[in-house]
Amino acid sequence: MLEMFDYDFMQRAFIAGIFIAILASIGGTFVVLKRYSLISETLAHSALVGVAVGLVAGYNPMWVAVVVAVMFAWLIEYLRSSFSLYSDAILSIILSGALALSVIIVSVGGSFNNSLFSYLFGSILAVTTEDLYTILIFGAIALSFLLLFAKELYFIAYDEEVAKTSGLKVKLLNFLLVSVVAIIIALSIRVVGSLLIGALMVIPAVSALQYRVGFKQTLLLALFFAIFSVVLGMVVSYHFSLPSGATIVLSIILLFVISLVLNRK
């Protein structure tokens, strides 16, 4: 099995995959606790708009995806905080609109090719050295924020109204959280794919919550589940020539089922 690490693309894929697993599991825990899980799918489709623009215009798709995903994240949070609209309704509208927009951009530009396919479903072959540096740089910024404001984000996720009365800048923290989630999702689509990244953010956290332990233990469990799933999924992807995103997600679902069975009472 270790012979796979003789290839540079597998080394890049594992470094990127494990780092993304760390980011997604930590960020996803706060998203799940806020009951805001659908935002991961919405921002994944929003990032796909950036990928489409990058492919058509000839720019690095990942850089464009990060910028576009953050812009959509701000739009979502602005609509949620400024208008009397249900969160799930806003997310459904943005999700549908972003997907439609990305399809139109790709159709007009004639760029529906293997490159776009790898962004949809993930590919361990697709991670370049430039992608790896982008993931590590932006990911380090996102991770620093999550760790720095972990207590405040947990407070907001637990009870936003009480957090406001306690003097926390809830609106600013919410904008920063969705921005970080957008960055994580945009960085993840190379390995996991835009259609599947939501699972990597949500399912490890949901699986960890089944064990009914404290917040810190839940976070560590989600982190373990995500890393294990990424490693297992990429090993299976390499040996059977399957899309890495699909094998990673199936690995996560397997752990979720095991967690349900172990904690069925």
Protein backbone atom coordinates (compact mmCIF):
# COMPACT_ATOMS: atom_id res chain seq x y z
CA MET A 1 0.00 0.00 0.00
CA LEU A 2 2.87 2.39 0.76
CA GLU A 3 4.05 2.30 -2.84
CA MET A 4 1.40 4.91 -3.65
CA PHE A 5 3.54 7.49 -1.87
CA ASP A 6 6.23 7.04 -4.50
CA TYR A 7 4.15 9.33 -6.69
CA ASP A 8 4.27 13.08 -6.20
CA PHE A 9 0.56 13.52 -6.95
CA MET A 10 -0.36 11.12 -4.14
CA GLN A 11 1.86 12.97 -1.68
CA ARG A 12 0.20 16.25 -2.64
CA ALA A 13 -3.25 14.68 -2.46
CA PHE A 14 -2.72 13.26 1.04
CA ILE A 15 -1.29 16.51 2.41
CA ALA A 16 -4.16 18.50 0.92
CA GLY A 17 -6.78 15.92 1.92
CA ILE A 18 -5.72 15.67 5.56
CA PHE A 19 -5.47 19.46 5.92
CA ILE A 20 -8.92 19.85 4.37
CA ALA A 21 -10.28 17.19 6.73
CA ILE A 22 -9.00 19.22 9.70
CA LEU A 23 -10.56 22.42 8.37
CA ALA A 24 -13.87 20.86 7.34
CA SER A 25 -14.44 18.94 10.58
CA ILE A 26 -13.73 21.94 12.83
CA GLY A 27 -15.71 24.41 10.73
CA GLY A 28 -18.48 21.87 10.17
CA THR A 29 -18.95 21.35 13.90
CA PHE A 30 -19.91 25.00 14.39
CA VAL A 31 -22.14 24.91 11.30
CA VAL A 32 -24.00 21.82 12.53
CA LEU A 33 -24.43 23.25 16.03
CA LYS A 34 -25.95 26.39 14.48
CA ARG A 35 -28.36 24.14 12.53
CA TYR A 36 -27.02 25.74 9.37
CA SER A 37 -25.86 22.59 7.58
CA LEU A 38 -27.35 23.47 4.19
CA ILE A 39 -24.95 26.42 3.88
CA SER A 40 -22.15 24.00 2.98
CA GLU A 41 -24.04 22.75 -0.08
CA THR A 42 -25.03 26.29 -1.04
CA LEU A 43 -21.49 27.63 -0.85
CA ALA A 44 -20.19 24.58 -2.72
CA HIS A 45 -22.44 25.44 -5.65
CA SER A 46 -21.42 29.09 -5.29
CA ALA A 47 -17.75 28.09 -5.47
CA LEU A 48 -18.58 26.24 -8.67
CA VAL A 49 -19.49 29.61 -10.20
CA GLY A 50 -15.94 30.75 -9.44
CA VAL A 51 -14.54 27.58 -10.98
CA ALA A 52 -16.60 28.17 -14.13
CA VAL A 53 -15.39 31.79 -14.36
CA GLY A 54 -11.79 30.71 -13.84
CA LEU A 55 -11.95 28.03 -16.52
CA VAL A 56 -13.60 30.32 -19.06
CA ALA A 57 -11.41 33.36 -18.33
CA GLY A 58 -8.16 31.42 -18.01
CA TYR A 59 -7.50 32.23 -14.34
CA ASN A 60 -6.67 29.79 -11.55
CA PRO A 61 -10.12 28.29 -10.77
CA MET A 62 -9.36 27.74 -7.09
CA TRP A 63 -8.42 31.37 -6.45
CA VAL A 64 -11.54 32.59 -8.22
CA ALA A 65 -13.65 30.01 -6.35
CA VAL A 66 -12.42 31.34 -2.98
CA VAL A 67 -13.31 34.93 -3.89
CA VAL A 68 -16.74 34.07 -5.33
CA ALA A 69 -17.64 31.74 -2.45
CA VAL A 70 -16.81 34.44 0.12
CA MET A 71 -18.94 36.97 -1.80
CA PHE A 72 -21.89 34.58 -1.80
CA ALA A 73 -21.34 33.87 1.91
CA TRP A 74 -21.60 37.60 2.66
CA LEU A 75 -24.75 37.83 0.54
CA ILE A 76 -26.34 34.92 2.41
CA GLU A 77 -25.53 36.36 5.83
CA TYR A 78 -26.70 39.83 4.79
CA LEU A 79 -30.06 38.47 3.60
CA ARG A 80 -30.40 36.35 6.74
CA SER A 81 -29.67 39.19 9.15
CA SER A 82 -31.36 42.07 7.33
CA PHE A 83 -34.61 40.60 6.01
CA SER A 84 -37.41 38.55 7.54
CA LEU A 85 -36.57 35.46 5.53
CA TYR A 86 -36.10 31.89 6.72
CA SER A 87 -32.49 30.70 6.54
CA ASP A 88 -33.34 27.51 4.66
CA ALA A 89 -35.33 29.49 2.09
CA ILE A 90 -32.40 31.87 1.47
CA LEU A 91 -30.00 28.96 1.11
CA SER A 92 -32.30 27.14 -1.33
CA ILE A 93 -32.65 30.25 -3.49
CA ILE A 94 -28.90 30.97 -3.57
CA LEU A 95 -28.09 27.29 -4.19
CA SER A 96 -30.40 27.07 -7.19
CA GLY A 97 -29.28 30.42 -8.58
CA ALA A 98 -25.57 29.65 -8.21
CA LEU A 99 -25.91 26.27 -9.89
CA ALA A 100 -27.89 27.77 -12.77
CA LEU A 101 -25.34 30.57 -13.17
CA SER A 102 -22.38 28.18 -13.25
CA VAL A 103 -24.08 26.01 -15.90
CA ILE A 104 -24.75 29.08 -18.09
CA ILE A 105 -21.16 30.35 -17.75
CA VAL A 106 -19.71 26.97 -18.68
CA SER A 107 -22.15 26.54 -21.57
CA VAL A 108 -21.37 29.96 -23.01
CA GLY A 109 -17.65 29.45 -22.61
CA GLY A 110 -17.70 25.87 -23.88
CA SER A 111 -15.56 24.70 -20.97
CA PHE A 112 -17.43 21.58 -19.87
CA ASN A 113 -14.45 19.23 -19.93
CA ASN A 114 -12.49 16.90 -17.69
CA SER A 115 -11.19 19.86 -15.66
CA LEU A 116 -14.70 20.83 -14.61
CA PHE A 117 -15.58 17.18 -13.95
CA SER A 118 -12.73 16.96 -11.44
CA TYR A 119 -14.12 20.00 -9.60
CA LEU A 120 -17.57 18.43 -9.48
CA PHE A 121 -16.56 15.06 -8.03
CA GLY A 122 -12.98 15.51 -6.87
CA SER A 123 -9.81 13.92 -8.20
CA ILE A 124 -6.56 13.00 -6.47
CA LEU A 125 -4.82 13.51 -9.82
CA ALA A 126 -5.98 17.14 -9.99
CA VAL A 127 -4.09 18.58 -7.01
CA THR A 128 -1.16 20.57 -8.36
CA THR A 129 1.70 22.11 -6.40
CA GLU A 130 0.09 25.53 -6.84
CA ASP A 131 -3.22 24.15 -5.52
CA LEU A 132 -1.43 22.69 -2.51
CA TYR A 133 0.19 26.04 -1.63
CA THR A 134 -3.17 27.77 -2.04
CA ILE A 135 -4.85 25.25 0.27
CA LEU A 136 -2.12 25.57 2.91
CA ILE A 137 -2.02 29.39 2.88
CA PHE A 138 -5.76 30.09 2.89
CA GLY A 139 -6.39 27.07 5.11
CA ALA A 140 -3.94 28.30 7.74
CA ILE A 141 -5.76 31.64 7.86
CA ALA A 142 -9.15 29.91 8.22
CA LEU A 143 -7.89 27.51 10.88
CA SER A 144 -6.32 30.34 12.89
CA PHE A 145 -9.66 32.15 13.01
CA LEU A 146 -11.58 29.03 14.06
CA LEU A 147 -9.17 28.28 16.89
CA LEU A 148 -8.87 31.91 17.99
CA PHE A 149 -12.63 32.45 18.29
CA ALA A 150 -13.69 28.90 19.17
CA LYS A 151 -15.34 29.88 22.49
CA GLU A 152 -17.25 32.78 20.96
CA LEU A 153 -18.43 30.71 18.00
CA TYR A 154 -19.61 27.95 20.32
CA PHE A 155 -21.49 30.53 22.41
CA ILE A 156 -23.20 31.89 19.30
CA ALA A 157 -24.06 28.40 18.09
CA TYR A 158 -25.51 27.51 21.49
CA ASP A 159 -27.72 30.61 21.87
CA GLU A 160 -27.32 33.62 19.59
CA GLU A 161 -29.69 35.85 21.56
CA VAL A 162 -27.91 35.28 24.86
CA ALA A 163 -24.60 35.91 23.10
CA LYS A 164 -25.92 39.31 21.94
CA THR A 165 -26.98 40.31 25.44
CA SER A 166 -23.55 39.24 26.71
CA GLY A 167 -21.89 41.86 24.54
CA LEU A 168 -20.50 39.67 21.76
CA LYS A 169 -20.39 41.14 18.26
CA VAL A 170 -22.64 38.41 16.93
CA LYS A 171 -23.22 39.91 13.49
CA LEU A 172 -19.50 40.34 12.82
CA LEU A 173 -18.68 36.85 14.09
CA ASN A 174 -21.40 35.34 11.90
CA PHE A 175 -19.99 37.11 8.84
CA LEU A 176 -16.51 35.88 9.70
CA LEU A 177 -17.75 32.31 10.26
CA VAL A 178 -19.54 32.06 6.91
CA SER A 179 -16.46 33.60 5.24
CA VAL A 180 -14.24 30.91 6.77
CA VAL A 181 -16.70 28.18 5.78
CA ALA A 182 -16.73 29.57 2.22
CA ILE A 183 -12.93 29.48 2.07
CA ILE A 184 -12.81 25.90 3.39
CA ILE A 185 -15.37 24.73 0.84
CA ALA A 186 -13.65 26.48 -2.08
CA LEU A 187 -10.33 24.89 -1.09
CA SER A 188 -11.89 21.45 -0.77
CA ILE A 189 -13.45 21.06 -4.19
CA ARG A 190 -10.21 19.87 -5.80
CA VAL A 191 -10.05 16.77 -3.59
CA VAL A 192 -13.69 16.17 -2.63
CA GLY A 193 -15.64 17.95 -5.37
CA SER A 194 -18.27 20.68 -5.13
CA LEU A 195 -21.15 18.19 -5.19
CA LEU A 196 -19.80 16.23 -2.22
CA ILE A 197 -17.94 18.69 0.03
CA GLY A 198 -21.05 19.31 2.14
CA ALA A 199 -20.84 15.75 3.39
CA LEU A 200 -17.25 16.22 4.59
CA MET A 201 -18.30 19.23 6.66
CA VAL A 202 -21.54 17.90 8.10
CA ILE A 203 -21.38 14.11 8.53
CA PRO A 204 -18.26 13.89 10.76
CA ALA A 205 -19.81 16.42 13.16
CA VAL A 206 -23.18 14.64 13.15
CA SER A 207 -21.44 11.30 13.72
CA ALA A 208 -19.48 12.73 16.66
CA LEU A 209 -22.65 14.19 18.20
CA GLN A 210 -24.12 10.68 18.46
CA TYR A 211 -21.69 9.91 21.29
CA ARG A 212 -23.19 12.70 23.47
CA VAL A 213 -19.93 13.94 24.98
CA GLY A 214 -18.71 17.47 25.67
CA PHE A 215 -17.97 20.05 23.01
CA LYS A 216 -14.19 19.53 22.99
CA GLN A 217 -14.54 15.74 22.80
CA THR A 218 -17.12 16.10 20.02
CA LEU A 219 -14.73 18.33 18.08
CA LEU A 220 -11.90 15.80 18.45
CA LEU A 221 -14.16 12.92 17.40
CA ALA A 222 -15.30 14.83 14.31
CA LEU A 223 -11.66 15.57 13.51
CA PHE A 224 -10.73 11.89 13.79
CA PHE A 225 -13.69 10.77 11.67
CA ALA A 226 -12.87 13.28 8.94
CA ILE A 227 -9.16 12.43 8.75
CA PHE A 228 -9.82 8.68 8.82
CA SER A 229 -12.43 9.01 6.07
CA VAL A 230 -10.16 11.09 3.85
CA VAL A 231 -7.25 8.65 4.22
CA LEU A 232 -9.43 5.58 3.65
CA GLY A 233 -11.26 7.21 0.76
CA MET A 234 -8.06 8.23 -1.04
CA VAL A 235 -6.52 4.79 -0.59
CA VAL A 236 -9.62 3.19 -2.12
CA SER A 237 -9.65 5.86 -4.85
CA TYR A 238 -6.04 5.12 -5.77
CA HIS A 239 -6.34 1.33 -5.87
CA PHE A 240 -9.66 1.16 -7.74
CA SER A 241 -9.31 4.28 -9.95
CA LEU A 242 -12.45 5.91 -8.52
CA PRO A 243 -13.25 9.61 -7.93
CA SER A 244 -11.71 10.55 -4.58
CA GLY A 245 -14.71 12.64 -3.50
CA ALA A 246 -17.12 9.73 -3.82
CA THR A 247 -14.92 7.26 -1.93
CA ILE A 248 -14.28 9.79 0.87
CA VAL A 249 -18.00 10.47 1.31
CA LEU A 250 -18.87 6.76 1.37
CA SER A 251 -16.19 6.27 4.04
CA ILE A 252 -17.75 9.06 6.13
CA ILE A 253 -21.23 7.55 5.75
CA LEU A 254 -19.86 4.17 6.89
CA LEU A 255 -18.54 5.80 10.08
CA PHE A 256 -21.88 7.56 10.56
CA VAL A 257 -23.77 4.26 10.35
CA ILE A 258 -21.36 2.66 12.83
CA SER A 259 -21.87 5.62 15.20
CA LEU A 260 -25.64 5.25 14.95
CA VAL A 261 -25.48 1.52 15.71
CA LEU A 262 -23.14 1.98 18.67
CA ASN A 263 -25.33 4.70 20.17
CA ARG A 264 -28.78 3.45 19.14
CA LYS A 265 -30.12 3.64 22.71
